[in-house]
Amino acid sequence: MNIAKQIEYLNARNYFKEAESKGEKLVLGNMNTNFWLHKERINLDFVLESARNLSDARVFIISEGANKGFYIYSENRKICLQLVDDSRHYFHAEIA
């Protein structure tokens, strides 16, 4: 399950510039991006729901590093959301 965590817009823009310069940006439609989205459990229905309130919503994906993640941002509203897989914060019971 994903949740959207608000990130400071200017910090996010710096993350994006840094990721592009290091080659850590993923592009939608690329096979590596598809694998990454699956591995990170990104729910695309949740992405659409989260972006619905942002008329100029854009996506930025950082594949690795300290700022790794899936981001939705709006240049007009100066808002940035990072999608987080909420299920990774809970320990699952082991089945005997």
C-alpha atoms as a PDB file:
ATOM      1  CA  MET A   1       0.000   0.000   0.000  1.00  0.00           C
ATOM      2  CA  ASN A   2       1.337   3.428  -0.913  1.00  0.00           C
ATOM      3  CA  ILE A   3       1.091   6.674   0.986  1.00  0.00           C
ATOM      4  CA  ALA A   4       2.063  10.129  -0.253  1.00  0.00           C
ATOM      5  CA  LYS A   5       4.513  12.074   1.885  1.00  0.00           C
ATOM      6  CA  GLN A   6       4.886  15.790   1.140  1.00  0.00           C
ATOM      7  CA  ILE A   7       8.474  16.849   0.387  1.00  0.00           C
ATOM      8  CA  GLU A   8       9.802  20.420   0.346  1.00  0.00           C
ATOM      9  CA  TYR A   9       9.514  21.464  -3.317  1.00  0.00           C
ATOM     10  CA  LEU A  10      12.907  23.208  -3.603  1.00  0.00           C
ATOM     11  CA  ASN A  11      14.685  20.258  -1.971  1.00  0.00           C
ATOM     12  CA  ALA A  12      12.954  17.892  -4.387  1.00  0.00           C
ATOM     13  CA  ARG A  13      14.058  19.977  -7.382  1.00  0.00           C
ATOM     14  CA  ASN A  14      17.643  19.721  -6.114  1.00  0.00           C
ATOM     15  CA  TYR A  15      17.234  15.932  -5.761  1.00  0.00           C
ATOM     16  CA  PHE A  16      16.020  15.795  -9.380  1.00  0.00           C
ATOM     17  CA  LYS A  17      18.963  17.809 -10.725  1.00  0.00           C
ATOM     18  CA  GLU A  18      21.421  15.662  -8.782  1.00  0.00           C
ATOM     19  CA  ALA A  19      19.786  12.413  -9.978  1.00  0.00           C
ATOM     20  CA  GLU A  20      19.889  13.553 -13.616  1.00  0.00           C
ATOM     21  CA  SER A  21      23.560  14.444 -13.382  1.00  0.00           C
ATOM     22  CA  LYS A  22      24.387  11.048 -11.795  1.00  0.00           C
ATOM     23  CA  GLY A  23      22.262   9.077 -14.275  1.00  0.00           C
ATOM     24  CA  GLU A  24      19.842   7.887 -11.580  1.00  0.00           C
ATOM     25  CA  LYS A  25      16.663   9.168 -13.275  1.00  0.00           C
ATOM     26  CA  LEU A  26      14.316   6.516 -14.666  1.00  0.00           C
ATOM     27  CA  VAL A  27      12.068   7.210 -17.660  1.00  0.00           C
ATOM     28  CA  LEU A  28       8.520   5.852 -17.870  1.00  0.00           C
ATOM     29  CA  GLY A  29       8.119   3.253 -20.601  1.00  0.00           C
ATOM     30  CA  ASN A  30      11.650   1.906 -20.193  1.00  0.00           C
ATOM     31  CA  MET A  31      11.893  -1.780 -19.253  1.00  0.00           C
ATOM     32  CA  ASN A  32      14.217  -1.032 -16.311  1.00  0.00           C
ATOM     33  CA  THR A  33      11.629   1.438 -15.024  1.00  0.00           C
ATOM     34  CA  ASN A  34       8.902  -1.198 -15.240  1.00  0.00           C
ATOM     35  CA  PHE A  35      10.999  -3.613 -13.178  1.00  0.00           C
ATOM     36  CA  TRP A  36      11.781  -0.868 -10.653  1.00  0.00           C
ATOM     37  CA  LEU A  37       8.080   0.074 -10.283  1.00  0.00           C
ATOM     38  CA  HIS A  38       7.207  -3.569  -9.655  1.00  0.00           C
ATOM     39  CA  LYS A  39      10.060  -4.094  -7.182  1.00  0.00           C
ATOM     40  CA  GLU A  40       9.150  -0.933  -5.253  1.00  0.00           C
ATOM     41  CA  ARG A  41       5.439  -1.844  -5.248  1.00  0.00           C
ATOM     42  CA  ILE A  42       4.289   1.422  -6.790  1.00  0.00           C
ATOM     43  CA  ASN A  43       0.498   1.343  -7.188  1.00  0.00           C
ATOM     44  CA  LEU A  44      -0.300   3.250 -10.390  1.00  0.00           C
ATOM     45  CA  ASP A  45      -3.964   3.691  -9.363  1.00  0.00           C
ATOM     46  CA  PHE A  46      -2.706   5.489  -6.257  1.00  0.00           C
ATOM     47  CA  VAL A  47      -0.423   7.610  -8.451  1.00  0.00           C
ATOM     48  CA  LEU A  48      -3.409   8.723 -10.541  1.00  0.00           C
ATOM     49  CA  GLU A  49      -5.479   9.433  -7.443  1.00  0.00           C
ATOM     50  CA  SER A  50      -2.646  11.452  -5.858  1.00  0.00           C
ATOM     51  CA  ALA A  51      -2.015  13.458  -9.030  1.00  0.00           C
ATOM     52  CA  ARG A  52      -5.678  14.230  -9.646  1.00  0.00           C
ATOM     53  CA  ASN A  53      -5.557  17.482  -7.628  1.00  0.00           C
ATOM     54  CA  LEU A  54      -2.477  18.713  -9.488  1.00  0.00           C
ATOM     55  CA  SER A  55      -3.451  20.023 -12.934  1.00  0.00           C
ATOM     56  CA  ASP A  56       0.164  19.979 -14.166  1.00  0.00           C
ATOM     57  CA  ALA A  57       1.315  16.825 -12.350  1.00  0.00           C
ATOM     58  CA  ARG A  58       4.660  15.408 -13.412  1.00  0.00           C
ATOM     59  CA  VAL A  59       6.512  12.290 -12.345  1.00  0.00           C
ATOM     60  CA  PHE A  60      10.179  11.904 -11.460  1.00  0.00           C
ATOM     61  CA  ILE A  61      11.731   8.573 -10.487  1.00  0.00           C
ATOM     62  CA  ILE A  62      15.109   8.295  -8.774  1.00  0.00           C
ATOM     63  CA  SER A  63      16.352   4.713  -9.047  1.00  0.00           C
ATOM     64  CA  GLU A  64      18.955   4.659  -6.275  1.00  0.00           C
ATOM     65  CA  GLY A  65      20.830   6.655  -3.687  1.00  0.00           C
ATOM     66  CA  ALA A  66      19.793   8.639  -0.637  1.00  0.00           C
ATOM     67  CA  ASN A  67      16.833  10.239  -2.427  1.00  0.00           C
ATOM     68  CA  LYS A  68      15.606   7.080  -4.171  1.00  0.00           C
ATOM     69  CA  GLY A  69      11.887   7.168  -4.818  1.00  0.00           C
ATOM     70  CA  PHE A  70       8.844   7.945  -6.908  1.00  0.00           C
ATOM     71  CA  TYR A  71       7.911  11.621  -6.886  1.00  0.00           C
ATOM     72  CA  ILE A  72       4.861  13.509  -8.179  1.00  0.00           C
ATOM     73  CA  TYR A  73       5.263  17.260  -8.416  1.00  0.00           C
ATOM     74  CA  SER A  74       3.570  20.422  -9.666  1.00  0.00           C
ATOM     75  CA  GLU A  75       5.647  23.352 -10.888  1.00  0.00           C
ATOM     76  CA  ASN A  76       2.634  25.683 -10.779  1.00  0.00           C
ATOM     77  CA  ARG A  77       1.635  24.874  -7.195  1.00  0.00           C
ATOM     78  CA  LYS A  78       5.233  24.249  -5.966  1.00  0.00           C
ATOM     79  CA  ILE A  79       4.191  20.949  -4.376  1.00  0.00           C
ATOM     80  CA  CYS A  80       6.030  17.637  -4.341  1.00  0.00           C
ATOM     81  CA  LEU A  81       4.818  14.278  -3.055  1.00  0.00           C
ATOM     82  CA  GLN A  82       6.946  11.184  -2.593  1.00  0.00           C
ATOM     83  CA  LEU A  83       5.189   7.817  -2.741  1.00  0.00           C
ATOM     84  CA  VAL A  84       6.185   5.449   0.028  1.00  0.00           C
ATOM     85  CA  ASP A  85       5.331   1.754   0.345  1.00  0.00           C
ATOM     86  CA  ASP A  86       3.638   1.702   3.735  1.00  0.00           C
ATOM     87  CA  SER A  87       3.766  -2.099   4.037  1.00  0.00           C
ATOM     88  CA  ARG A  88       7.561  -2.067   4.492  1.00  0.00           C
ATOM     89  CA  HIS A  89       7.172  -0.370   7.865  1.00  0.00           C
ATOM     90  CA  TYR A  90       5.374  -3.322   9.404  1.00  0.00           C
ATOM     91  CA  PHE A  91       6.837  -6.671  10.308  1.00  0.00           C
ATOM     92  CA  HIS A  92       4.888  -9.579   8.881  1.00  0.00           C
ATOM     93  CA  ALA A  93       4.298 -12.676  10.960  1.00  0.00           C
ATOM     94  CA  GLU A  94       6.117 -15.745   9.782  1.00  0.00           C
ATOM     95  CA  ILE A  95       4.005 -18.736   8.943  1.00  0.00           C
ATOM     96  CA  ALA A  96       5.233 -21.907  10.613  1.00  0.00           C
END
